[in-house]
Amino acid sequence: MISGVCIIEWGEIIESILPEDYIKISFSTDFEDETIRYLTIESHGKASIPMKDV
């Protein structure tokens, strides 16, 4: 098995052709304060690790 990491900016454009197992990291901006950023981390696929809210 080959393993590695690949980071794709704007990955939602190709989400339908991504491998079954991947981790999606999304960035968003606070509506009231543009200097605040939020990260959302989602794991996808059978081999993904269940993620807890942090």
PDB file of N, CA and C in Angstrom:
ATOM      1  N   MET A   1       0.833  -1.177   0.000  1.00  0.00           N
ATOM      2  CA  MET A   1       0.000   0.000   0.000  1.00  0.00           C
ATOM      3  C   MET A   1       0.883   1.248   0.000  1.00  0.00           C
ATOM      4  N   ILE A   2       0.545   2.193  -0.832  1.00  0.00           N
ATOM      5  CA  ILE A   2       1.264   3.463  -0.894  1.00  0.00           C
ATOM      6  C   ILE A   2       0.522   4.460  -0.022  1.00  0.00           C
ATOM      7  N   SER A   3       1.260   5.215   0.788  1.00  0.00           N
ATOM      8  CA  SER A   3       0.613   6.220   1.629  1.00  0.00           C
ATOM      9  C   SER A   3       1.316   7.549   1.437  1.00  0.00           C
ATOM     10  N   GLY A   4       0.610   8.612   1.766  1.00  0.00           N
ATOM     11  CA  GLY A   4       1.181   9.940   1.626  1.00  0.00           C
ATOM     12  C   GLY A   4       0.123  10.983   1.908  1.00  0.00           C
ATOM     13  N   VAL A   5       0.508  12.223   1.725  1.00  0.00           N
ATOM     14  CA  VAL A   5      -0.394  13.341   1.961  1.00  0.00           C
ATOM     15  C   VAL A   5      -0.397  14.229   0.726  1.00  0.00           C
ATOM     16  N   CYS A   6      -1.573  14.645   0.320  1.00  0.00           N
ATOM     17  CA  CYS A   6      -1.720  15.596  -0.778  1.00  0.00           C
ATOM     18  C   CYS A   6      -2.727  16.641  -0.328  1.00  0.00           C
ATOM     19  N   ILE A   7      -2.370  17.903  -0.417  1.00  0.00           N
ATOM     20  CA  ILE A   7      -3.264  18.989  -0.021  1.00  0.00           C
ATOM     21  C   ILE A   7      -3.740  19.681  -1.293  1.00  0.00           C
ATOM     22  N   ILE A   8      -5.071  19.788  -1.446  1.00  0.00           N
ATOM     23  CA  ILE A   8      -5.658  20.364  -2.650  1.00  0.00           C
ATOM     24  C   ILE A   8      -6.484  21.580  -2.270  1.00  0.00           C
ATOM     25  N   GLU A   9      -6.085  22.735  -2.779  1.00  0.00           N
ATOM     26  CA  GLU A   9      -6.879  23.940  -2.564  1.00  0.00           C
ATOM     27  C   GLU A   9      -8.074  23.895  -3.521  1.00  0.00           C
ATOM     28  N   TRP A  10      -9.223  24.329  -3.070  1.00  0.00           N
ATOM     29  CA  TRP A  10     -10.472  24.288  -3.836  1.00  0.00           C
ATOM     30  C   TRP A  10     -10.843  22.843  -4.177  1.00  0.00           C
ATOM     31  N   GLY A  11     -10.610  21.931  -3.248  1.00  0.00           N
ATOM     32  CA  GLY A  11     -10.890  20.514  -3.472  1.00  0.00           C
ATOM     33  C   GLY A  11     -12.348  20.191  -3.743  1.00  0.00           C
ATOM     34  N   GLU A  12     -13.270  21.068  -3.323  1.00  0.00           N
ATOM     35  CA  GLU A  12     -14.686  20.792  -3.569  1.00  0.00           C
ATOM     36  C   GLU A  12     -14.996  20.732  -5.067  1.00  0.00           C
ATOM     37  N   ILE A  13     -14.136  21.314  -5.883  1.00  0.00           N
ATOM     38  CA  ILE A  13     -14.336  21.261  -7.328  1.00  0.00           C
ATOM     39  C   ILE A  13     -14.169  19.835  -7.849  1.00  0.00           C
ATOM     40  N   ILE A  14     -13.281  19.056  -7.226  1.00  0.00           N
ATOM     41  CA  ILE A  14     -13.029  17.675  -7.668  1.00  0.00           C
ATOM     42  C   ILE A  14     -13.452  16.644  -6.623  1.00  0.00           C
ATOM     43  N   GLU A  15     -14.297  17.038  -5.685  1.00  0.00           N
ATOM     44  CA  GLU A  15     -14.676  16.144  -4.591  1.00  0.00           C
ATOM     45  C   GLU A  15     -15.225  14.808  -5.091  1.00  0.00           C
ATOM     46  N   SER A  16     -15.921  14.793  -6.219  1.00  0.00           N
ATOM     47  CA  SER A  16     -16.516  13.551  -6.731  1.00  0.00           C
ATOM     48  C   SER A  16     -15.467  12.547  -7.205  1.00  0.00           C
ATOM     49  N   ILE A  17     -14.220  12.985  -7.470  1.00  0.00           N
ATOM     50  CA  ILE A  17     -13.191  12.046  -7.927  1.00  0.00           C
ATOM     51  C   ILE A  17     -12.082  11.822  -6.893  1.00  0.00           C
ATOM     52  N   LEU A  18     -12.267  12.345  -5.678  1.00  0.00           N
ATOM     53  CA  LEU A  18     -11.281  12.108  -4.620  1.00  0.00           C
ATOM     54  C   LEU A  18     -11.335  10.647  -4.178  1.00  0.00           C
ATOM     55  N   PRO A  19     -10.254  10.137  -3.577  1.00  0.00           N
ATOM     56  CA  PRO A  19     -10.273   8.762  -3.058  1.00  0.00           C
ATOM     57  C   PRO A  19     -11.370   8.597  -2.006  1.00  0.00           C
ATOM     58  N   GLU A  20     -11.733   7.354  -1.742  1.00  0.00           N
ATOM     59  CA  GLU A  20     -12.787   7.065  -0.763  1.00  0.00           C
ATOM     60  C   GLU A  20     -12.434   7.610   0.619  1.00  0.00           C
ATOM     61  N   ASP A  21     -11.178   7.499   1.004  1.00  0.00           N
ATOM     62  CA  ASP A  21     -10.737   7.952   2.326  1.00  0.00           C
ATOM     63  C   ASP A  21      -9.974   9.271   2.199  1.00  0.00           C
ATOM     64  N   TYR A  22     -10.492  10.303   2.845  1.00  0.00           N
ATOM     65  CA  TYR A  22      -9.795  11.592   2.850  1.00  0.00           C
ATOM     66  C   TYR A  22     -10.262  12.432   4.027  1.00  0.00           C
ATOM     67  N   ILE A  23      -9.491  13.451   4.346  1.00  0.00           N
ATOM     68  CA  ILE A  23      -9.843  14.405   5.399  1.00  0.00           C
ATOM     69  C   ILE A  23     -10.059  15.749   4.722  1.00  0.00           C
ATOM     70  N   LYS A  24     -11.202  16.357   4.979  1.00  0.00           N
ATOM     71  CA  LYS A  24     -11.547  17.655   4.394  1.00  0.00           C
ATOM     72  C   LYS A  24     -11.397  18.730   5.465  1.00  0.00           C
ATOM     73  N   ILE A  25     -10.611  19.764   5.163  1.00  0.00           N
ATOM     74  CA  ILE A  25     -10.420  20.897   6.071  1.00  0.00           C
ATOM     75  C   ILE A  25     -10.973  22.129   5.370  1.00  0.00           C
ATOM     76  N   SER A  26     -11.982  22.748   5.972  1.00  0.00           N
ATOM     77  CA  SER A  26     -12.609  23.941   5.397  1.00  0.00           C
ATOM     78  C   SER A  26     -12.339  25.142   6.286  1.00  0.00           C
ATOM     79  N   PHE A  27     -12.080  26.272   5.659  1.00  0.00           N
ATOM     80  CA  PHE A  27     -11.854  27.532   6.358  1.00  0.00           C
ATOM     81  C   PHE A  27     -13.056  28.431   6.107  1.00  0.00           C
ATOM     82  N   SER A  28     -13.490  29.153   7.128  1.00  0.00           N
ATOM     83  CA  SER A  28     -14.556  30.139   6.954  1.00  0.00           C
ATOM     84  C   SER A  28     -14.244  31.359   7.809  1.00  0.00           C
ATOM     85  N   THR A  29     -14.881  32.462   7.458  1.00  0.00           N
ATOM     86  CA  THR A  29     -14.667  33.731   8.144  1.00  0.00           C
ATOM     87  C   THR A  29     -15.877  34.056   9.000  1.00  0.00           C
ATOM     88  N   ASP A  30     -15.638  34.631  10.153  1.00  0.00           N
ATOM     89  CA  ASP A  30     -16.716  35.084  11.025  1.00  0.00           C
ATOM     90  C   ASP A  30     -17.469  36.215  10.321  1.00  0.00           C
ATOM     91  N   PHE A  31     -18.800  36.197  10.369  1.00  0.00           N
ATOM     92  CA  PHE A  31     -19.593  37.216   9.687  1.00  0.00           C
ATOM     93  C   PHE A  31     -19.455  38.600  10.314  1.00  0.00           C
ATOM     94  N   GLU A  32     -19.189  38.643  11.609  1.00  0.00           N
ATOM     95  CA  GLU A  32     -19.101  39.932  12.304  1.00  0.00           C
ATOM     96  C   GLU A  32     -17.676  40.458  12.417  1.00  0.00           C
ATOM     97  N   ASP A  33     -16.684  39.581  12.382  1.00  0.00           N
ATOM     98  CA  ASP A  33     -15.283  39.991  12.538  1.00  0.00           C
ATOM     99  C   ASP A  33     -14.443  39.250  11.503  1.00  0.00           C
ATOM    100  N   GLU A  34     -14.041  39.935  10.445  1.00  0.00           N
ATOM    101  CA  GLU A  34     -13.298  39.303   9.356  1.00  0.00           C
ATOM    102  C   GLU A  34     -11.914  38.805   9.758  1.00  0.00           C
ATOM    103  N   THR A  35     -11.434  39.188  10.944  1.00  0.00           N
ATOM    104  CA  THR A  35     -10.122  38.719  11.395  1.00  0.00           C
ATOM    105  C   THR A  35     -10.204  37.358  12.075  1.00  0.00           C
ATOM    106  N   ILE A  36     -11.419  36.853  12.305  1.00  0.00           N
ATOM    107  CA  ILE A  36     -11.616  35.552  12.946  1.00  0.00           C
ATOM    108  C   ILE A  36     -11.864  34.505  11.873  1.00  0.00           C
ATOM    109  N   ARG A  37     -11.132  33.379  11.963  1.00  0.00           N
ATOM    110  CA  ARG A  37     -11.287  32.262  11.026  1.00  0.00           C
ATOM    111  C   ARG A  37     -11.715  31.017  11.791  1.00  0.00           C
ATOM    112  N   TYR A  38     -12.502  30.189  11.146  1.00  0.00           N
ATOM    113  CA  TYR A  38     -12.937  28.917  11.704  1.00  0.00           C
ATOM    114  C   TYR A  38     -12.455  27.793  10.806  1.00  0.00           C
ATOM    115  N   LEU A  39     -12.051  26.688  11.419  1.00  0.00           N
ATOM    116  CA  LEU A  39     -11.668  25.486  10.684  1.00  0.00           C
ATOM    117  C   LEU A  39     -12.695  24.402  10.972  1.00  0.00           C
ATOM    118  N   THR A  40     -13.135  23.732   9.922  1.00  0.00           N
ATOM    119  CA  THR A  40     -14.001  22.564  10.064  1.00  0.00           C
ATOM    120  C   THR A  40     -13.230  21.385   9.498  1.00  0.00           C
ATOM    121  N   ILE A  41     -13.092  20.322  10.291  1.00  0.00           N
ATOM    122  CA  ILE A  41     -12.340  19.145   9.869  1.00  0.00           C
ATOM    123  C   ILE A  41     -13.292  17.965   9.813  1.00  0.00           C
ATOM    124  N   GLU A  42     -13.375  17.323   8.644  1.00  0.00           N
ATOM    125  CA  GLU A  42     -14.264  16.179   8.442  1.00  0.00           C
ATOM    126  C   GLU A  42     -13.450  15.011   7.896  1.00  0.00           C
ATOM    127  N   SER A  43     -13.676  13.821   8.433  1.00  0.00           N
ATOM    128  CA  SER A  43     -13.024  12.630   7.878  1.00  0.00           C
ATOM    129  C   SER A  43     -14.059  11.858   7.062  1.00  0.00           C
ATOM    130  N   HIS A  44     -13.633  11.314   5.930  1.00  0.00           N
ATOM    131  CA  HIS A  44     -14.512  10.599   5.013  1.00  0.00           C
ATOM    132  C   HIS A  44     -13.936   9.237   4.691  1.00  0.00           C
ATOM    133  N   GLY A  45     -14.794   8.258   4.524  1.00  0.00           N
ATOM    134  CA  GLY A  45     -14.377   6.920   4.101  1.00  0.00           C
ATOM    135  C   GLY A  45     -14.396   5.918   5.238  1.00  0.00           C
ATOM    136  N   LYS A  46     -14.286   4.656   4.856  1.00  0.00           N
ATOM    137  CA  LYS A  46     -14.343   3.551   5.818  1.00  0.00           C
ATOM    138  C   LYS A  46     -13.167   3.547   6.784  1.00  0.00           C
ATOM    139  N   ALA A  47     -12.000   3.949   6.319  1.00  0.00           N
ATOM    140  CA  ALA A  47     -10.808   3.924   7.171  1.00  0.00           C
ATOM    141  C   ALA A  47     -10.620   5.210   7.956  1.00  0.00           C
ATOM    142  N   SER A  48     -11.555   6.143   7.843  1.00  0.00           N
ATOM    143  CA  SER A  48     -11.382   7.425   8.522  1.00  0.00           C
ATOM    144  C   SER A  48     -11.553   7.259  10.029  1.00  0.00           C
ATOM    145  N   ILE A  49     -10.892   8.134  10.746  1.00  0.00           N
ATOM    146  CA  ILE A  49     -10.954   8.127  12.209  1.00  0.00           C
ATOM    147  C   ILE A  49     -12.125   8.998  12.649  1.00  0.00           C
ATOM    148  N   PRO A  50     -13.000   8.459  13.508  1.00  0.00           N
ATOM    149  CA  PRO A  50     -14.085   9.325  14.006  1.00  0.00           C
ATOM    150  C   PRO A  50     -13.508  10.573  14.662  1.00  0.00           C
ATOM    151  N   MET A  51     -14.066  11.708  14.326  1.00  0.00           N
ATOM    152  CA  MET A  51     -13.541  12.974  14.840  1.00  0.00           C
ATOM    153  C   MET A  51     -14.520  13.541  15.854  1.00  0.00           C
ATOM    154  N   LYS A  52     -13.988  14.132  16.895  1.00  0.00           N
ATOM    155  CA  LYS A  52     -14.788  14.781  17.948  1.00  0.00           C
ATOM    156  C   LYS A  52     -14.768  16.278  17.733  1.00  0.00           C
ATOM    157  N   ASP A  53     -15.817  16.965  18.203  1.00  0.00           N
ATOM    158  CA  ASP A  53     -15.827  18.426  18.163  1.00  0.00           C
ATOM    159  C   ASP A  53     -14.751  18.948  19.110  1.00  0.00           C
ATOM    160  N   VAL A  54     -13.984  19.911  18.643  1.00  0.00           N
ATOM    161  CA  VAL A  54     -12.951  20.538  19.475  1.00  0.00           C
ATOM    162  C   VAL A  54     -13.194  22.016  19.586  1.00  0.00           C
TER     163      VAL A  54
END
